[in-house]
Amino acid sequence: MNVTIVDYNSGNISSVINSFKEVAKDKVNIKVTSDLNQIKSSDKLVLPGQGSFKSCVDALSNINGLIDTLDEFAIKDKKPILGICVGFQMFADVGYEEKKTKGLGWISGKVLKIDNQNGKYKLPHIGWNQLNIVKDSKILKNIKNKSHMYFVHSYEFIPENKNVISATTDYSSKIVCSIEKENIFGTQFHPEKSDKIGLKILDNFINL
């Protein structure tokens, strides 16, 4: 089986690569590429993201045919894809970081700045926060409720359909931090930086 981490110059993805390789060991072939044919032939995709919503969407757009290939993979072929941090936020229709920017539109919703309640909450939200698991999710299998995950973000994904939400975290409000919609999975937190529990989530994804 091939699991491909999409490399589109979104920032440092070495921790994502290292964590997946640690989990996969010799069972699974982990690739890191922006080659469209390799992406199409993969069994599963990982879409990392570091930086602003706009810079990540622009980076995807700069690789000719990549967004169409991702659409085909996730929407037409319905193969599993995991978005991490901004990679997850890009599933939305639109984001408002820097300027209004169209997202991939796979999950109806928008990405807005976290309401810091007039400075009561620091932004970016950095550090360990508890998961509130609100529904069964394949990637949260055997993850205990109230487990702590690592976050770094100033913007939050607000989906229109609340049924896609699998976990939230409390920071200013209930922030959506994990979603599942058929073959599409996303985490606002960084599983690759969340110790053994995060690695278990990556293992769950590999074993879907």
N, C-alpha and C. Protein backbone atom coordinates (compact mmCIF):
# COMPACT_ATOMS: atom_id res chain seq x y z
N MET A 1 0.84 -1.20 0.00
CA MET A 1 0.00 0.00 0.00
C MET A 1 0.88 1.25 0.00
N ASN A 2 0.45 2.24 -0.75
CA ASN A 2 1.17 3.51 -0.83
C ASN A 2 0.39 4.62 -0.13
N VAL A 3 1.03 5.29 0.81
CA VAL A 3 0.48 6.50 1.43
C VAL A 3 1.37 7.65 0.99
N THR A 4 0.77 8.64 0.33
CA THR A 4 1.55 9.75 -0.21
C THR A 4 1.28 11.03 0.56
N ILE A 5 2.36 11.67 0.99
CA ILE A 5 2.29 12.99 1.60
C ILE A 5 2.50 14.00 0.48
N VAL A 6 1.51 14.87 0.27
CA VAL A 6 1.57 15.82 -0.84
C VAL A 6 2.54 16.94 -0.51
N ASP A 7 3.56 17.08 -1.35
CA ASP A 7 4.60 18.10 -1.14
C ASP A 7 4.31 19.27 -2.08
N TYR A 8 3.84 20.37 -1.52
CA TYR A 8 3.52 21.53 -2.36
C TYR A 8 4.13 22.81 -1.79
N ASN A 9 5.27 22.64 -1.07
CA ASN A 9 6.01 23.78 -0.52
C ASN A 9 5.18 24.60 0.44
N SER A 10 4.49 23.93 1.37
CA SER A 10 3.64 24.64 2.32
C SER A 10 4.38 24.95 3.62
N GLY A 11 5.67 24.69 3.66
CA GLY A 11 6.41 24.88 4.90
C GLY A 11 7.05 23.57 5.31
N ASN A 12 7.58 23.54 6.51
CA ASN A 12 8.33 22.38 6.99
C ASN A 12 7.39 21.19 7.23
N ILE A 13 7.54 20.14 6.45
CA ILE A 13 6.69 18.95 6.64
C ILE A 13 7.52 17.75 7.11
N SER A 14 8.75 18.02 7.54
CA SER A 14 9.64 16.90 7.92
C SER A 14 9.08 16.12 9.09
N SER A 15 8.42 16.79 10.06
CA SER A 15 7.88 16.05 11.21
C SER A 15 6.73 15.14 10.79
N VAL A 16 5.95 15.58 9.79
CA VAL A 16 4.87 14.73 9.27
C VAL A 16 5.47 13.49 8.60
N ILE A 17 6.48 13.71 7.78
CA ILE A 17 7.13 12.60 7.07
C ILE A 17 7.73 11.61 8.07
N ASN A 18 8.48 12.13 9.05
CA ASN A 18 9.16 11.26 10.02
C ASN A 18 8.17 10.46 10.84
N SER A 19 7.06 11.10 11.24
CA SER A 19 6.06 10.40 12.06
C SER A 19 5.37 9.30 11.28
N PHE A 20 5.02 9.57 10.03
CA PHE A 20 4.38 8.53 9.22
C PHE A 20 5.34 7.37 8.97
N LYS A 21 6.60 7.68 8.73
CA LYS A 21 7.57 6.60 8.51
C LYS A 21 7.77 5.77 9.77
N GLU A 22 7.73 6.44 10.93
CA GLU A 22 7.87 5.73 12.20
C GLU A 22 6.70 4.76 12.42
N VAL A 23 5.50 5.23 12.09
CA VAL A 23 4.31 4.40 12.27
C VAL A 23 4.26 3.28 11.24
N ALA A 24 4.60 3.61 10.00
CA ALA A 24 4.46 2.66 8.89
C ALA A 24 5.46 1.52 8.98
N LYS A 25 6.65 1.83 9.51
CA LYS A 25 7.76 0.87 9.56
C LYS A 25 7.93 0.27 8.15
N ASP A 26 7.87 -1.04 8.03
CA ASP A 26 8.05 -1.65 6.71
C ASP A 26 6.73 -2.12 6.10
N LYS A 27 5.62 -1.82 6.81
CA LYS A 27 4.32 -2.34 6.35
C LYS A 27 3.79 -1.56 5.16
N VAL A 28 4.12 -0.28 5.11
CA VAL A 28 3.49 0.63 4.14
C VAL A 28 4.56 1.48 3.48
N ASN A 29 4.37 1.76 2.20
CA ASN A 29 5.30 2.60 1.46
C ASN A 29 4.87 4.06 1.60
N ILE A 30 5.70 4.88 2.25
CA ILE A 30 5.40 6.30 2.41
C ILE A 30 6.15 7.09 1.33
N LYS A 31 5.39 7.83 0.52
CA LYS A 31 5.99 8.66 -0.52
C LYS A 31 5.77 10.13 -0.18
N VAL A 32 6.68 10.98 -0.65
CA VAL A 32 6.53 12.43 -0.52
C VAL A 32 6.74 13.01 -1.91
N THR A 33 5.69 13.57 -2.49
CA THR A 33 5.79 13.97 -3.89
C THR A 33 4.74 15.01 -4.27
N SER A 34 5.01 15.72 -5.35
CA SER A 34 4.00 16.57 -5.99
C SER A 34 3.69 16.05 -7.40
N ASP A 35 4.23 14.87 -7.72
CA ASP A 35 4.01 14.27 -9.04
C ASP A 35 2.56 13.79 -9.15
N LEU A 36 1.85 14.29 -10.15
CA LEU A 36 0.41 14.02 -10.25
C LEU A 36 0.12 12.55 -10.47
N ASN A 37 0.93 11.87 -11.25
CA ASN A 37 0.68 10.45 -11.52
C ASN A 37 0.90 9.60 -10.27
N GLN A 38 1.92 9.96 -9.50
CA GLN A 38 2.16 9.22 -8.24
C GLN A 38 1.03 9.47 -7.25
N ILE A 39 0.51 10.71 -7.22
CA ILE A 39 -0.60 11.03 -6.33
C ILE A 39 -1.84 10.22 -6.74
N LYS A 40 -2.11 10.20 -8.04
CA LYS A 40 -3.29 9.47 -8.54
C LYS A 40 -3.23 7.99 -8.21
N SER A 41 -2.03 7.42 -8.25
CA SER A 41 -1.89 5.97 -8.05
C SER A 41 -1.79 5.58 -6.58
N SER A 42 -1.81 6.56 -5.69
CA SER A 42 -1.70 6.28 -4.26
C SER A 42 -2.99 5.70 -3.71
N ASP A 43 -2.85 4.97 -2.60
CA ASP A 43 -4.03 4.42 -1.91
C ASP A 43 -4.64 5.44 -0.95
N LYS A 44 -3.76 6.24 -0.33
CA LYS A 44 -4.21 7.25 0.63
C LYS A 44 -3.32 8.49 0.46
N LEU A 45 -3.89 9.65 0.77
CA LEU A 45 -3.14 10.90 0.70
C LEU A 45 -3.15 11.61 2.03
N VAL A 46 -2.06 12.33 2.30
CA VAL A 46 -1.98 13.23 3.45
C VAL A 46 -1.69 14.63 2.92
N LEU A 47 -2.50 15.59 3.34
CA LEU A 47 -2.33 16.98 2.91
C LEU A 47 -1.93 17.81 4.14
N PRO A 48 -0.62 18.02 4.32
CA PRO A 48 -0.19 18.86 5.44
C PRO A 48 -0.42 20.33 5.11
N GLY A 49 -0.16 21.20 6.06
CA GLY A 49 -0.31 22.63 5.80
C GLY A 49 0.33 23.45 6.88
N GLN A 50 1.20 24.36 6.47
CA GLN A 50 1.84 25.27 7.42
C GLN A 50 1.92 26.63 6.77
N GLY A 51 1.51 27.66 7.51
CA GLY A 51 1.44 29.00 6.93
C GLY A 51 0.00 29.47 6.91
N SER A 52 -0.29 30.48 6.12
CA SER A 52 -1.66 31.01 6.06
C SER A 52 -2.52 30.20 5.10
N PHE A 53 -3.82 30.31 5.26
CA PHE A 53 -4.78 29.66 4.35
C PHE A 53 -4.47 30.08 2.91
N LYS A 54 -4.33 31.39 2.70
CA LYS A 54 -4.08 31.89 1.34
C LYS A 54 -2.76 31.37 0.76
N SER A 55 -1.70 31.37 1.58
CA SER A 55 -0.40 30.93 1.04
C SER A 55 -0.43 29.45 0.68
N CYS A 56 -1.18 28.65 1.45
CA CYS A 56 -1.26 27.22 1.14
C CYS A 56 -2.11 26.97 -0.11
N VAL A 57 -3.24 27.67 -0.24
CA VAL A 57 -4.05 27.53 -1.45
C VAL A 57 -3.26 27.98 -2.67
N ASP A 58 -2.54 29.09 -2.54
CA ASP A 58 -1.71 29.58 -3.65
C ASP A 58 -0.65 28.54 -4.04
N ALA A 59 -0.04 27.91 -3.02
CA ALA A 59 0.99 26.91 -3.30
C ALA A 59 0.42 25.70 -4.03
N LEU A 60 -0.81 25.28 -3.65
CA LEU A 60 -1.48 24.19 -4.39
C LEU A 60 -1.73 24.62 -5.84
N SER A 61 -2.21 25.85 -6.00
CA SER A 61 -2.58 26.35 -7.33
C SER A 61 -1.37 26.49 -8.24
N ASN A 62 -0.20 26.70 -7.64
CA ASN A 62 1.01 26.92 -8.44
C ASN A 62 1.53 25.65 -9.09
N ILE A 63 1.03 24.49 -8.65
CA ILE A 63 1.43 23.23 -9.28
C ILE A 63 0.32 22.84 -10.25
N ASN A 64 0.60 22.96 -11.51
CA ASN A 64 -0.41 22.80 -12.56
C ASN A 64 -1.12 21.45 -12.46
N GLY A 65 -2.43 21.48 -12.30
CA GLY A 65 -3.23 20.25 -12.28
C GLY A 65 -3.37 19.61 -10.91
N LEU A 66 -2.70 20.15 -9.89
CA LEU A 66 -2.72 19.49 -8.58
C LEU A 66 -4.11 19.54 -7.94
N ILE A 67 -4.77 20.68 -7.98
CA ILE A 67 -6.10 20.77 -7.34
C ILE A 67 -7.09 19.84 -8.03
N ASP A 68 -7.05 19.77 -9.36
CA ASP A 68 -7.93 18.84 -10.09
C ASP A 68 -7.64 17.39 -9.70
N THR A 69 -6.36 17.07 -9.53
CA THR A 69 -5.97 15.71 -9.15
C THR A 69 -6.46 15.38 -7.74
N LEU A 70 -6.36 16.35 -6.83
CA LEU A 70 -6.86 16.14 -5.47
C LEU A 70 -8.38 15.97 -5.47
N ASP A 71 -9.08 16.77 -6.28
CA ASP A 71 -10.54 16.64 -6.41
C ASP A 71 -10.92 15.24 -6.90
N GLU A 72 -10.19 14.78 -7.90
CA GLU A 72 -10.47 13.45 -8.46
C GLU A 72 -10.25 12.37 -7.41
N PHE A 73 -9.16 12.49 -6.66
CA PHE A 73 -8.80 11.51 -5.65
C PHE A 73 -9.86 11.44 -4.54
N ALA A 74 -10.21 12.60 -4.01
CA ALA A 74 -11.07 12.66 -2.82
C ALA A 74 -12.56 12.59 -3.15
N ILE A 75 -12.98 13.27 -4.21
CA ILE A 75 -14.41 13.41 -4.50
C ILE A 75 -14.90 12.37 -5.49
N LYS A 76 -14.16 12.18 -6.58
CA LYS A 76 -14.59 11.23 -7.61
C LYS A 76 -14.26 9.78 -7.20
N ASP A 77 -13.01 9.54 -6.84
CA ASP A 77 -12.58 8.18 -6.51
C ASP A 77 -12.84 7.81 -5.06
N LYS A 78 -13.11 8.81 -4.22
CA LYS A 78 -13.44 8.60 -2.80
C LYS A 78 -12.40 7.76 -2.07
N LYS A 79 -11.13 8.08 -2.32
CA LYS A 79 -10.05 7.42 -1.59
C LYS A 79 -9.71 8.24 -0.35
N PRO A 80 -9.21 7.60 0.70
CA PRO A 80 -8.98 8.32 1.97
C PRO A 80 -7.94 9.43 1.86
N ILE A 81 -8.28 10.57 2.46
CA ILE A 81 -7.35 11.70 2.53
C ILE A 81 -7.42 12.31 3.92
N LEU A 82 -6.25 12.65 4.45
CA LEU A 82 -6.14 13.26 5.77
C LEU A 82 -5.52 14.64 5.62
N GLY A 83 -6.24 15.66 6.07
CA GLY A 83 -5.70 17.02 6.10
C GLY A 83 -5.26 17.37 7.51
N ILE A 84 -4.09 18.01 7.62
CA ILE A 84 -3.54 18.39 8.93
C ILE A 84 -3.39 19.90 8.99
N CYS A 85 -3.94 20.52 10.03
CA CYS A 85 -3.84 21.95 10.28
C CYS A 85 -4.40 22.73 9.08
N VAL A 86 -3.61 23.53 8.40
CA VAL A 86 -4.14 24.29 7.26
C VAL A 86 -4.55 23.35 6.13
N GLY A 87 -3.89 22.20 6.05
CA GLY A 87 -4.32 21.19 5.07
C GLY A 87 -5.76 20.78 5.28
N PHE A 88 -6.18 20.69 6.53
CA PHE A 88 -7.57 20.41 6.89
C PHE A 88 -8.45 21.63 6.63
N GLN A 89 -7.99 22.82 6.98
CA GLN A 89 -8.79 24.03 6.77
C GLN A 89 -9.13 24.24 5.29
N MET A 90 -8.24 23.83 4.41
CA MET A 90 -8.47 24.04 2.97
C MET A 90 -9.62 23.21 2.42
N PHE A 91 -10.14 22.25 3.21
CA PHE A 91 -11.33 21.50 2.77
C PHE A 91 -12.55 22.42 2.69
N ALA A 92 -12.51 23.57 3.35
CA ALA A 92 -13.65 24.49 3.42
C ALA A 92 -13.91 25.18 2.08
N ASP A 93 -15.07 25.84 2.00
CA ASP A 93 -15.40 26.62 0.80
C ASP A 93 -14.53 27.86 0.68
N VAL A 94 -14.27 28.50 1.82
CA VAL A 94 -13.59 29.80 1.79
C VAL A 94 -12.87 30.05 3.11
N GLY A 95 -11.76 30.77 3.02
CA GLY A 95 -11.02 31.19 4.21
C GLY A 95 -10.79 32.69 4.17
N TYR A 96 -10.62 33.28 5.34
CA TYR A 96 -10.51 34.74 5.42
C TYR A 96 -9.18 35.20 6.02
N GLU A 97 -8.16 34.35 5.98
CA GLU A 97 -6.84 34.75 6.46
C GLU A 97 -6.12 35.52 5.36
N GLU A 98 -5.58 36.69 5.69
CA GLU A 98 -5.00 37.64 4.74
C GLU A 98 -6.09 38.29 3.90
N LYS A 99 -6.75 37.51 3.07
CA LYS A 99 -7.88 38.02 2.26
C LYS A 99 -8.81 36.85 1.96
N LYS A 100 -10.02 37.15 1.52
CA LYS A 100 -10.97 36.09 1.20
C LYS A 100 -10.39 35.22 0.09
N THR A 101 -10.30 33.91 0.37
CA THR A 101 -9.67 32.98 -0.56
C THR A 101 -10.52 31.72 -0.68
N LYS A 102 -10.75 31.30 -1.91
CA LYS A 102 -11.54 30.09 -2.15
C LYS A 102 -10.77 28.85 -1.74
N GLY A 103 -11.45 27.95 -1.00
CA GLY A 103 -10.83 26.69 -0.61
C GLY A 103 -11.19 25.58 -1.59
N LEU A 104 -10.95 24.34 -1.18
CA LEU A 104 -11.23 23.19 -2.05
C LEU A 104 -12.72 22.90 -2.16
N GLY A 105 -13.50 23.31 -1.16
CA GLY A 105 -14.95 23.14 -1.22
C GLY A 105 -15.44 21.72 -1.02
N TRP A 106 -14.67 20.90 -0.33
CA TRP A 106 -15.08 19.51 -0.10
C TRP A 106 -16.06 19.39 1.06
N ILE A 107 -15.93 20.28 2.03
CA ILE A 107 -16.83 20.30 3.19
C ILE A 107 -17.33 21.72 3.36
N SER A 108 -18.61 21.92 3.18
CA SER A 108 -19.17 23.27 3.22
C SER A 108 -18.86 23.94 4.55
N GLY A 109 -18.32 25.15 4.46
CA GLY A 109 -17.98 25.88 5.67
C GLY A 109 -16.95 26.95 5.38
N LYS A 110 -16.53 27.64 6.43
CA LYS A 110 -15.59 28.75 6.27
C LYS A 110 -14.54 28.71 7.38
N VAL A 111 -13.42 29.37 7.11
CA VAL A 111 -12.32 29.44 8.07
C VAL A 111 -12.18 30.89 8.53
N LEU A 112 -12.41 31.11 9.81
CA LEU A 112 -12.41 32.46 10.39
C LEU A 112 -11.39 32.55 11.52
N LYS A 113 -11.00 33.79 11.82
CA LYS A 113 -10.08 34.00 12.94
C LYS A 113 -10.78 33.64 14.25
N ILE A 114 -10.05 32.97 15.13
CA ILE A 114 -10.59 32.64 16.44
C ILE A 114 -10.95 33.93 17.18
N ASP A 115 -12.12 33.96 17.79
CA ASP A 115 -12.53 35.11 18.60
C ASP A 115 -11.75 35.08 19.91
N ASN A 116 -10.79 36.01 20.06
CA ASN A 116 -9.96 35.98 21.28
C ASN A 116 -10.60 36.74 22.44
N GLN A 117 -11.85 37.14 22.25
CA GLN A 117 -12.62 37.82 23.31
C GLN A 117 -11.85 39.01 23.88
N ASN A 118 -11.51 39.94 22.94
CA ASN A 118 -10.82 41.18 23.31
C ASN A 118 -9.52 40.94 24.08
N GLY A 119 -8.76 39.95 23.60
CA GLY A 119 -7.44 39.69 24.16
C GLY A 119 -7.41 38.74 25.33
N LYS A 120 -8.56 38.21 25.71
CA LYS A 120 -8.61 37.27 26.83
C LYS A 120 -7.86 35.98 26.48
N TYR A 121 -7.93 35.60 25.21
CA TYR A 121 -7.24 34.39 24.74
C TYR A 121 -6.13 34.80 23.78
N LYS A 122 -4.93 34.28 24.00
CA LYS A 122 -3.79 34.62 23.15
C LYS A 122 -3.92 33.93 21.80
N LEU A 123 -3.52 34.64 20.76
CA LEU A 123 -3.41 34.06 19.42
C LEU A 123 -1.99 34.25 18.93
N PRO A 124 -1.41 33.28 18.24
CA PRO A 124 -2.02 31.99 17.95
C PRO A 124 -2.23 31.13 19.20
N HIS A 125 -3.19 30.22 19.07
CA HIS A 125 -3.43 29.20 20.09
C HIS A 125 -2.32 28.17 19.95
N ILE A 126 -1.41 28.16 20.91
CA ILE A 126 -0.25 27.26 20.85
C ILE A 126 -0.22 26.40 22.10
N GLY A 127 -0.08 25.09 21.92
CA GLY A 127 0.12 24.21 23.05
C GLY A 127 -0.83 23.04 23.08
N TRP A 128 -0.86 22.38 24.24
CA TRP A 128 -1.62 21.15 24.41
C TRP A 128 -3.03 21.45 24.91
N ASN A 129 -4.02 20.87 24.25
CA ASN A 129 -5.41 21.06 24.66
C ASN A 129 -6.16 19.74 24.56
N GLN A 130 -7.22 19.63 25.36
CA GLN A 130 -8.00 18.39 25.42
C GLN A 130 -8.92 18.23 24.22
N LEU A 131 -9.05 16.99 23.78
CA LEU A 131 -10.07 16.63 22.79
C LEU A 131 -11.39 16.33 23.48
N ASN A 132 -12.46 16.88 22.94
CA ASN A 132 -13.81 16.45 23.33
C ASN A 132 -14.35 15.63 22.17
N ILE A 133 -14.32 14.32 22.29
CA ILE A 133 -14.77 13.46 21.18
C ILE A 133 -16.29 13.43 21.19
N VAL A 134 -16.89 13.84 20.08
CA VAL A 134 -18.36 13.98 20.03
C VAL A 134 -19.04 12.91 19.18
N LYS A 135 -18.26 12.15 18.41
CA LYS A 135 -18.83 11.01 17.68
C LYS A 135 -17.72 10.03 17.33
N ASP A 136 -18.11 8.81 17.04
CA ASP A 136 -17.13 7.81 16.63
C ASP A 136 -16.46 8.25 15.34
N SER A 137 -15.17 8.07 15.29
CA SER A 137 -14.42 8.39 14.08
C SER A 137 -13.37 7.32 13.87
N LYS A 138 -13.18 6.92 12.62
CA LYS A 138 -12.21 5.85 12.32
C LYS A 138 -10.80 6.24 12.73
N ILE A 139 -10.45 7.52 12.60
CA ILE A 139 -9.07 7.90 12.94
C ILE A 139 -8.91 8.15 14.45
N LEU A 140 -10.03 8.22 15.18
CA LEU A 140 -9.95 8.38 16.63
C LEU A 140 -10.21 7.06 17.37
N LYS A 141 -10.16 5.97 16.63
CA LYS A 141 -10.38 4.65 17.24
C LYS A 141 -9.34 4.40 18.33
N ASN A 142 -9.83 3.97 19.50
CA ASN A 142 -8.98 3.68 20.67
C ASN A 142 -8.25 4.91 21.22
N ILE A 143 -8.73 6.11 20.85
CA ILE A 143 -8.23 7.34 21.47
C ILE A 143 -9.19 7.71 22.60
N LYS A 144 -8.66 7.90 23.79
CA LYS A 144 -9.52 8.23 24.93
C LYS A 144 -10.00 9.67 24.86
N ASN A 145 -11.27 9.87 25.23
CA ASN A 145 -11.78 11.22 25.36
C ASN A 145 -10.93 11.98 26.38
N LYS A 146 -10.78 13.28 26.14
CA LYS A 146 -9.97 14.19 26.98
C LYS A 146 -8.46 14.00 26.78
N SER A 147 -8.07 13.22 25.78
CA SER A 147 -6.64 13.13 25.44
C SER A 147 -6.14 14.51 25.02
N HIS A 148 -4.88 14.77 25.28
CA HIS A 148 -4.30 16.07 24.93
C HIS A 148 -3.57 15.98 23.58
N MET A 149 -3.82 16.98 22.73
CA MET A 149 -3.17 17.07 21.43
C MET A 149 -2.50 18.44 21.30
N TYR A 150 -1.57 18.54 20.36
CA TYR A 150 -0.79 19.78 20.21
C TYR A 150 -1.34 20.66 19.09
N PHE A 151 -1.56 21.93 19.41
CA PHE A 151 -2.17 22.90 18.47
C PHE A 151 -1.23 24.07 18.21
N VAL A 152 -1.28 24.59 16.98
CA VAL A 152 -0.67 25.88 16.63
C VAL A 152 -1.54 26.51 15.54
N HIS A 153 -2.40 27.45 15.92
CA HIS A 153 -3.27 28.07 14.90
C HIS A 153 -3.95 29.32 15.46
N SER A 154 -4.33 30.22 14.54
CA SER A 154 -5.09 31.42 14.89
C SER A 154 -6.47 31.43 14.24
N TYR A 155 -6.69 30.51 13.32
CA TYR A 155 -7.96 30.44 12.58
C TYR A 155 -8.62 29.09 12.83
N GLU A 156 -9.94 29.07 12.71
CA GLU A 156 -10.70 27.85 12.96
C GLU A 156 -11.66 27.56 11.79
N PHE A 157 -11.90 26.28 11.56
CA PHE A 157 -12.81 25.81 10.50
C PHE A 157 -14.20 25.67 11.13
N ILE A 158 -15.18 26.35 10.54
CA ILE A 158 -16.56 26.27 11.00
C ILE A 158 -17.40 25.60 9.91
N PRO A 159 -17.64 24.28 10.01
CA PRO A 159 -18.42 23.59 8.98
C PRO A 159 -19.91 23.89 9.11
N GLU A 160 -20.59 23.92 7.98
CA GLU A 160 -22.04 24.16 8.00
C GLU A 160 -22.78 22.99 8.62
N ASN A 161 -22.38 21.79 8.24
CA ASN A 161 -23.03 20.58 8.75
C ASN A 161 -22.26 20.08 9.97
N LYS A 162 -22.87 20.21 11.13
CA LYS A 162 -22.19 19.83 12.37
C LYS A 162 -22.00 18.31 12.48
N ASN A 163 -22.68 17.54 11.64
CA ASN A 163 -22.56 16.08 11.71
C ASN A 163 -21.17 15.58 11.29
N VAL A 164 -20.39 16.41 10.60
CA VAL A 164 -19.05 15.99 10.18
C VAL A 164 -18.04 16.10 11.33
N ILE A 165 -18.42 16.78 12.40
CA ILE A 165 -17.48 17.04 13.51
C ILE A 165 -17.31 15.78 14.35
N SER A 166 -16.07 15.35 14.54
CA SER A 166 -15.81 14.19 15.41
C SER A 166 -15.19 14.58 16.73
N ALA A 167 -14.57 15.77 16.80
CA ALA A 167 -14.02 16.23 18.08
C ALA A 167 -13.88 17.75 18.07
N THR A 168 -14.00 18.32 19.27
CA THR A 168 -13.78 19.76 19.45
C THR A 168 -12.75 19.95 20.56
N THR A 169 -12.28 21.19 20.70
CA THR A 169 -11.45 21.56 21.84
C THR A 169 -11.93 22.90 22.35
N ASP A 170 -11.77 23.15 23.64
CA ASP A 170 -12.25 24.40 24.23
C ASP A 170 -11.11 25.42 24.28
N TYR A 171 -11.26 26.47 23.47
CA TYR A 171 -10.33 27.60 23.51
C TYR A 171 -11.09 28.81 23.00
N SER A 172 -11.55 29.62 23.88
CA SER A 172 -12.44 30.75 23.58
C SER A 172 -13.86 30.27 23.31
N SER A 173 -13.97 29.23 22.47
CA SER A 173 -15.26 28.58 22.21
C SER A 173 -14.97 27.12 21.90
N LYS A 174 -15.98 26.40 21.44
CA LYS A 174 -15.73 25.01 21.04
C LYS A 174 -15.19 25.01 19.61
N ILE A 175 -13.90 24.80 19.50
CA ILE A 175 -13.23 24.83 18.20
C ILE A 175 -13.25 23.42 17.61
N VAL A 176 -13.65 23.34 16.35
CA VAL A 176 -13.65 22.05 15.66
C VAL A 176 -12.20 21.61 15.44
N CYS A 177 -11.86 20.42 15.93
CA CYS A 177 -10.47 20.00 15.77
C CYS A 177 -10.33 18.64 15.10
N SER A 178 -11.45 17.98 14.76
CA SER A 178 -11.38 16.75 13.98
C SER A 178 -12.69 16.56 13.24
N ILE A 179 -12.58 16.19 11.98
CA ILE A 179 -13.79 15.95 11.16
C ILE A 179 -13.65 14.63 10.42
N GLU A 180 -14.80 14.07 10.09
CA GLU A 180 -14.84 12.88 9.25
C GLU A 180 -16.07 12.97 8.37
N LYS A 181 -15.86 12.90 7.07
CA LYS A 181 -16.96 12.86 6.11
C LYS A 181 -16.63 11.82 5.05
N GLU A 182 -17.24 10.65 5.22
CA GLU A 182 -16.97 9.52 4.32
C GLU A 182 -15.46 9.23 4.30
N ASN A 183 -14.80 9.50 3.19
CA ASN A 183 -13.37 9.21 3.04
C ASN A 183 -12.47 10.40 3.40
N ILE A 184 -13.07 11.50 3.83
CA ILE A 184 -12.31 12.73 4.08
C ILE A 184 -12.15 12.93 5.59
N PHE A 185 -10.89 13.03 6.03
CA PHE A 185 -10.57 13.19 7.45
C PHE A 185 -9.70 14.43 7.63
N GLY A 186 -9.87 15.10 8.76
CA GLY A 186 -9.04 16.27 9.01
C GLY A 186 -8.84 16.51 10.49
N THR A 187 -7.66 17.04 10.83
CA THR A 187 -7.39 17.42 12.22
C THR A 187 -6.81 18.83 12.24
N GLN A 188 -7.34 19.66 13.15
CA GLN A 188 -6.76 20.99 13.36
C GLN A 188 -5.46 20.88 14.15
N PHE A 189 -5.41 19.94 15.07
CA PHE A 189 -4.18 19.70 15.83
C PHE A 189 -3.16 18.97 14.97
N HIS A 190 -1.95 18.89 15.49
CA HIS A 190 -0.86 18.22 14.78
C HIS A 190 -0.63 16.84 15.38
N PRO A 191 -1.18 15.78 14.79
CA PRO A 191 -0.94 14.45 15.35
C PRO A 191 0.55 14.08 15.35
N GLU A 192 1.28 14.60 14.35
CA GLU A 192 2.70 14.26 14.25
C GLU A 192 3.53 14.90 15.37
N LYS A 193 2.93 15.86 16.10
CA LYS A 193 3.63 16.51 17.22
C LYS A 193 2.95 16.19 18.55
N SER A 194 2.08 15.18 18.55
CA SER A 194 1.26 14.89 19.73
C SER A 194 1.60 13.56 20.38
N ASP A 195 2.90 13.22 20.33
CA ASP A 195 3.42 12.07 21.08
C ASP A 195 2.73 10.77 20.64
N LYS A 196 2.63 9.80 21.53
CA LYS A 196 2.15 8.46 21.15
C LYS A 196 0.68 8.46 20.73
N ILE A 197 -0.11 9.34 21.32
CA ILE A 197 -1.53 9.38 20.96
C ILE A 197 -1.68 9.89 19.52
N GLY A 198 -0.89 10.89 19.16
CA GLY A 198 -0.91 11.38 17.78
C GLY A 198 -0.47 10.32 16.79
N LEU A 199 0.56 9.56 17.17
CA LEU A 199 1.03 8.48 16.29
C LEU A 199 -0.05 7.42 16.11
N LYS A 200 -0.84 7.19 17.15
CA LYS A 200 -1.94 6.23 17.04
C LYS A 200 -2.97 6.69 16.02
N ILE A 201 -3.22 8.01 15.95
CA ILE A 201 -4.15 8.55 14.96
C ILE A 201 -3.61 8.32 13.55
N LEU A 202 -2.31 8.56 13.36
CA LEU A 202 -1.70 8.31 12.05
C LEU A 202 -1.78 6.82 11.70
N ASP A 203 -1.57 5.97 12.69
CA ASP A 203 -1.67 4.52 12.49
C ASP A 203 -3.10 4.13 12.09
N ASN A 204 -4.06 4.74 12.76
CA ASN A 204 -5.47 4.48 12.40
C ASN A 204 -5.75 4.84 10.94
N PHE A 205 -5.19 5.97 10.51
CA PHE A 205 -5.40 6.40 9.12
C PHE A 205 -4.76 5.40 8.15
N ILE A 206 -3.52 5.02 8.44
CA ILE A 206 -2.82 4.06 7.58
C ILE A 206 -3.61 2.75 7.46
N ASN A 207 -4.27 2.36 8.55
CA ASN A 207 -4.95 1.06 8.59
C ASN A 207 -6.42 1.10 8.20
N LEU A 208 -6.88 2.22 7.66
CA LEU A 208 -8.28 2.31 7.23
C LEU A 208 -8.58 1.22 6.20
